[in-house]
């Protein structure tokens, strides 16, 4: 087999394997979209206390998924009095908030706080322990994770395609080109 055929076959195999691995990692990254690390992203947790709202980001309210939606209440109050909190509606049986299917495992997203509220200290009173997460920070990270997974899959498909092309070209070169042979020299003895 000619050296060019060996090189192209080797490159094709390496690119094909890299493309498959890259596409698989991208698929795994896409599967993780929506699995928010609620405990890691928590800005404030508790049932009652003072929450210092010092950002322009909305805060998502999460509770463990063992809490029934129709039994959950929360109020945020500052010097101006109670502030309206946008809570999700409950399902018909009241066990979970509507749209709970896309919530992180073990958690329910019950609503948001901070759409029009001013910065400052708020007294939080809830029927159960809550966790407050910055909404746009979390959503931005999830979008970036989805885009990274999608681009990784595209890159994996491209590398795999290049690998297949190199394998085909290497096969053609292996069949079409012959190894260079050493030139044969014929020596004639001197004639008398």
Protein backbone atom coordinates (compact mmCIF):
# COMPACT_ATOMS: atom_id res chain seq x y z
CA UNK A 1 0.00 0.00 0.00
CA UNK A 2 1.28 3.44 -0.90
CA UNK A 3 2.23 5.82 1.92
CA UNK A 4 -0.39 8.39 0.81
CA UNK A 5 -3.14 5.78 1.19
CA UNK A 6 -1.95 4.89 4.70
CA UNK A 7 -1.85 8.57 5.76
CA UNK A 8 -5.35 9.32 4.47
CA UNK A 9 -6.82 6.16 6.01
CA UNK A 10 -5.22 7.01 9.37
CA UNK A 11 -6.45 10.62 9.30
CA UNK A 12 -9.91 9.49 8.28
CA UNK A 13 -10.16 7.04 11.17
CA UNK A 14 -8.97 9.64 13.71
CA UNK A 15 -11.37 12.32 12.41
CA UNK A 16 -14.28 9.88 12.40
CA UNK A 17 -13.67 8.83 16.01
CA UNK A 18 -13.23 12.46 17.15
CA UNK A 19 -16.45 13.45 15.37
CA UNK A 20 -18.43 10.67 17.04
CA UNK A 21 -17.07 11.57 20.48
CA UNK A 22 -17.72 15.29 19.95
CA UNK A 23 -21.29 14.66 18.76
CA UNK A 24 -21.95 12.38 21.74
CA UNK A 25 -20.69 14.98 24.21
CA UNK A 26 -22.89 17.60 22.54
CA UNK A 27 -25.91 15.33 22.87
CA UNK A 28 -25.19 14.80 26.55
CA UNK A 29 -24.90 18.56 27.01
CA UNK A 30 -28.31 19.03 25.37
CA UNK A 31 -29.83 16.44 27.71
CA UNK A 32 -28.61 18.50 30.68
CA UNK A 33 -30.43 21.64 29.56
CA UNK A 34 -33.07 22.48 32.14
CA UNK A 35 -31.31 20.69 35.00
CA UNK A 36 -30.70 23.83 37.03
CA UNK A 37 -28.54 23.43 40.11
CA UNK A 38 -31.08 25.04 42.44
CA UNK A 39 -28.95 24.70 45.56
CA UNK A 40 -25.82 26.01 43.82
CA UNK A 41 -27.57 29.04 42.29
CA UNK A 42 -29.54 30.03 45.40
CA UNK A 43 -29.18 33.68 46.40
CA UNK A 44 -31.40 33.34 49.48
CA UNK A 45 -33.10 30.45 51.24
CA UNK A 46 -35.39 30.18 54.22
CA UNK A 47 -38.98 30.25 55.29
CA UNK A 48 -38.99 33.60 57.06
CA UNK A 49 -36.39 36.34 57.10
CA UNK A 50 -35.00 39.40 55.39
CA UNK A 51 -33.96 39.22 51.76
CA UNK A 52 -31.78 42.03 50.36
CA UNK A 53 -32.95 42.62 46.81
CA UNK A 54 -30.04 44.45 45.19
CA UNK A 55 -30.18 43.41 41.56
CA UNK A 56 -32.19 44.22 38.45
CA UNK A 57 -32.77 40.52 37.88
CA UNK A 58 -36.03 38.84 38.71
CA UNK A 59 -35.87 36.16 41.39
CA UNK A 60 -37.36 32.73 40.76
CA UNK A 61 -39.07 31.09 43.74
CA UNK A 62 -38.35 27.36 44.11
CA UNK A 63 -39.62 24.85 46.67
CA UNK A 64 -38.99 21.11 47.01
CA UNK A 65 -41.38 19.04 44.90
CA UNK A 66 -42.82 17.49 48.04
CA UNK A 67 -44.76 20.73 48.67
CA UNK A 68 -48.27 20.93 47.27
CA UNK A 69 -48.87 23.99 45.13
CA UNK A 70 -52.28 24.73 46.68
CA UNK A 71 -50.75 24.74 50.19
CA UNK A 72 -47.93 27.16 49.36
CA UNK A 73 -48.05 30.89 50.15
CA UNK A 74 -45.37 33.57 50.18
CA UNK A 75 -45.31 37.31 50.79
CA UNK A 76 -42.59 39.90 50.25
CA UNK A 77 -42.96 43.09 52.25
CA UNK A 78 -40.85 46.23 52.51
CA UNK A 79 -41.36 49.68 54.05
CA UNK A 80 -44.06 50.41 51.47
CA UNK A 81 -46.06 47.32 52.48
CA UNK A 82 -46.67 43.96 50.78
CA UNK A 83 -45.52 43.68 47.17
CA UNK A 84 -47.34 41.62 44.58
CA UNK A 85 -45.65 38.36 43.75
CA UNK A 86 -46.39 36.59 40.48
CA UNK A 87 -47.10 32.95 41.44
CA UNK A 88 -47.80 30.18 38.95
CA UNK A 89 -51.29 28.70 38.85
CA UNK A 90 -51.70 25.21 40.24
CA UNK A 91 -52.73 22.16 38.25
CA UNK A 92 -56.38 21.04 38.57
CA UNK A 93 -55.64 18.68 41.46
CA UNK A 94 -53.52 21.36 43.18
CA UNK A 95 -50.50 19.12 43.65
CA UNK A 96 -48.07 21.02 41.40
CA UNK A 97 -47.70 24.34 39.57
CA UNK A 98 -48.68 24.42 35.90
CA UNK A 99 -45.67 23.70 33.71
CA UNK A 100 -43.96 21.64 36.43
CA UNK A 101 -42.82 19.11 33.81
CA UNK A 102 -39.84 21.29 32.84
CA UNK A 103 -38.78 22.10 36.41
CA UNK A 104 -35.46 20.72 37.72
CA UNK A 105 -35.62 17.29 39.37
CA UNK A 106 -36.76 17.57 42.97
CA UNK A 107 -37.97 21.18 42.66
CA UNK A 108 -41.04 23.20 41.70
CA UNK A 109 -40.76 26.69 40.25
CA UNK A 110 -43.62 28.44 42.06
CA UNK A 111 -43.29 31.96 40.65
CA UNK A 112 -41.15 35.09 40.37
CA UNK A 113 -40.42 38.20 42.38
CA UNK A 114 -38.86 41.49 41.35
CA UNK A 115 -40.48 42.48 38.08
CA UNK A 116 -41.25 46.04 39.17
CA UNK A 117 -40.01 46.12 42.75
CA UNK A 118 -37.39 48.59 43.94
CA UNK A 119 -34.10 47.53 45.45
CA UNK A 120 -33.92 47.15 49.20
CA UNK A 121 -34.65 44.81 52.07
CA UNK A 122 -37.79 42.68 51.94
CA UNK A 123 -39.29 40.62 54.73
CA UNK A 124 -40.12 37.18 53.38
CA UNK A 125 -42.83 35.04 54.96
CA UNK A 126 -43.59 31.70 53.35
CA UNK A 127 -45.56 28.64 54.33
CA UNK A 128 -42.55 26.44 53.49
CA UNK A 129 -38.83 26.91 52.96
CA UNK A 130 -38.06 28.60 49.64
CA UNK A 131 -35.01 29.24 47.51
CA UNK A 132 -34.61 32.40 45.43
CA UNK A 133 -32.56 32.21 42.21
CA UNK A 134 -31.66 35.02 39.76
CA UNK A 135 -33.86 34.34 36.74
CA UNK A 136 -31.96 35.83 33.80
CA UNK A 137 -28.61 34.55 35.03
CA UNK A 138 -29.99 31.00 35.17
CA UNK A 139 -31.85 31.30 31.86
CA UNK A 140 -28.73 32.73 30.18
CA UNK A 141 -26.62 29.81 31.37
CA UNK A 142 -29.21 27.32 30.12
CA UNK A 143 -29.33 28.99 26.70
CA UNK A 144 -25.52 28.96 26.52
CA UNK A 145 -25.50 25.27 27.47
CA UNK A 146 -28.05 24.47 24.77
CA UNK A 147 -26.13 26.45 22.14
CA UNK A 148 -22.86 24.76 23.14
CA UNK A 149 -24.44 21.31 22.86
CA UNK A 150 -25.97 22.12 19.48
CA UNK A 151 -22.69 23.49 18.11
CA UNK A 152 -20.81 20.49 19.46
CA UNK A 153 -23.18 18.17 17.63
CA UNK A 154 -22.74 20.17 14.42
CA UNK A 155 -18.95 20.05 14.82
CA UNK A 156 -19.11 16.32 15.48
CA UNK A 157 -21.15 15.74 12.33
CA UNK A 158 -18.69 17.86 10.31
CA UNK A 159 -15.65 16.01 11.67
CA UNK A 160 -17.32 12.65 11.02
CA UNK A 161 -18.09 13.71 7.45
CA UNK A 162 -14.48 14.75 6.89
CA UNK A 163 -13.34 11.47 8.40
CA UNK A 164 -15.50 9.47 5.99
CA UNK A 165 -14.19 11.51 3.04
CA UNK A 166 -10.59 10.88 4.13
CA UNK A 167 -11.32 7.15 4.51
CA UNK A 168 -12.81 6.96 1.00
CA UNK A 169 -9.91 8.94 -0.49
CA UNK A 170 -7.41 6.78 1.41
CA UNK A 171 -9.06 3.63 0.07
CA UNK A 172 -8.94 4.95 -3.48
CA UNK A 173 -5.27 5.92 -3.12
CA UNK A 174 -4.46 2.52 -1.61
CA UNK A 175 -5.96 0.75 -4.61
CA UNK A 176 -4.77 3.13 -7.34
CA UNK A 177 -1.21 3.85 -6.33
CA UNK A 178 1.50 1.25 -6.24
CA UNK A 179 4.50 1.31 -3.95
CA UNK A 180 7.57 2.55 -5.77
CA UNK A 181 9.85 -0.40 -6.40
CA UNK A 182 13.61 -0.19 -6.30
CA UNK A 183 15.00 -0.04 -9.79
CA UNK A 184 16.48 -3.34 -10.89
CA UNK A 185 19.95 -3.09 -12.33
CA UNK A 186 21.24 -5.65 -14.73
CA UNK A 187 24.95 -5.98 -14.97
CA UNK A 188 26.55 -7.60 -17.93
CA UNK A 189 29.92 -9.13 -17.59
CA UNK A 190 32.57 -7.60 -19.85
CA UNK A 191 32.78 -9.28 -23.22
CA UNK A 192 36.14 -10.64 -24.41
